[in-house]
Amino acid sequence: MQAHPHTRPPAQASGGVGTRLPWWALALPMVAFAALLLLIADPAQAHAAGGDPAVGQLLERIQQTLSR
């Protein structure tokens, strides 16, 4: 019994990429970016969930380093 190899379909001659993204594939990263940007711009509005204070100190140190 022989196995037939899979062949690729012929390439499009238009030169453009033939894939289209759904609207949410672009919207979700933009919403996440905007939310993170708002947290960075006004960290006083971001309320911690009561975790380890070392994590908060680490994030504060990173923010100070990046702002220099």
Protein backbone atom coordinates (compact mmCIF):
# COMPACT_ATOMS: atom_id res chain seq x y z
CA MET A 1 0.00 0.00 0.00
CA GLN A 2 1.46 3.35 -1.01
CA ALA A 3 0.96 6.59 0.87
CA HIS A 4 0.22 9.59 -1.29
CA PRO A 5 2.19 12.70 -0.29
CA HIS A 6 0.30 15.87 0.46
CA THR A 7 0.93 18.58 -2.07
CA ARG A 8 0.73 22.29 -1.40
CA PRO A 9 -1.83 24.36 -3.24
CA PRO A 10 -0.35 26.71 -5.83
CA ALA A 11 0.80 30.09 -4.51
CA GLN A 12 -1.36 33.12 -5.18
CA ALA A 13 -0.07 35.40 -7.89
CA SER A 14 -1.51 38.55 -6.28
CA GLY A 15 1.51 39.01 -3.99
CA GLY A 16 -0.66 39.78 -0.96
CA VAL A 17 -1.36 37.56 1.99
CA GLY A 18 -4.69 35.83 1.60
CA THR A 19 -5.60 35.59 5.30
CA ARG A 20 -8.09 37.82 7.01
CA LEU A 21 -8.20 38.25 10.76
CA PRO A 22 -11.48 38.45 12.66
CA TRP A 23 -12.25 41.77 14.33
CA TRP A 24 -11.55 40.45 17.83
CA ALA A 25 -8.04 39.31 16.87
CA LEU A 26 -7.12 42.98 16.56
CA ALA A 27 -9.43 44.41 19.21
CA LEU A 28 -8.34 42.22 22.14
CA PRO A 29 -4.62 43.12 22.01
CA MET A 30 -5.53 46.80 21.64
CA VAL A 31 -7.82 46.65 24.69
CA ALA A 32 -5.14 44.86 26.73
CA PHE A 33 -2.53 47.40 25.68
CA ALA A 34 -4.80 50.30 26.61
CA ALA A 35 -5.55 48.76 30.02
CA LEU A 36 -1.86 48.25 30.78
CA LEU A 37 -1.09 51.77 29.58
CA LEU A 38 -3.72 53.17 31.96
CA LEU A 39 -2.24 51.18 34.85
CA ILE A 40 1.21 52.54 34.10
CA ALA A 41 -0.01 56.11 33.63
CA ASP A 42 -1.96 56.20 36.92
CA PRO A 43 -0.80 53.44 39.29
CA ALA A 44 -2.73 55.01 42.20
CA GLN A 45 -5.96 53.70 40.64
CA ALA A 46 -4.66 50.13 40.51
CA HIS A 47 -5.60 48.43 43.77
CA ALA A 48 -3.51 45.43 44.78
CA ALA A 49 -5.22 42.20 45.71
CA GLY A 50 -3.38 41.91 49.02
CA GLY A 51 -0.49 39.72 47.98
CA ASP A 52 3.13 39.57 49.03
CA PRO A 53 4.53 43.10 49.66
CA ALA A 54 7.81 42.06 48.02
CA VAL A 55 6.05 41.84 44.66
CA GLY A 56 4.81 45.41 45.03
CA GLN A 57 8.28 46.59 45.99
CA LEU A 58 9.76 44.79 42.98
CA LEU A 59 7.25 46.40 40.62
CA GLU A 60 7.90 49.80 42.18
CA ARG A 61 11.66 49.33 41.71
CA ILE A 62 11.14 48.38 38.05
CA GLN A 63 8.97 51.46 37.53
CA GLN A 64 11.63 53.69 39.09
CA THR A 65 14.32 52.15 36.93
CA LEU A 66 12.30 52.61 33.75
CA SER A 67 11.42 56.22 34.56
CA ARG A 68 15.06 57.29 34.79
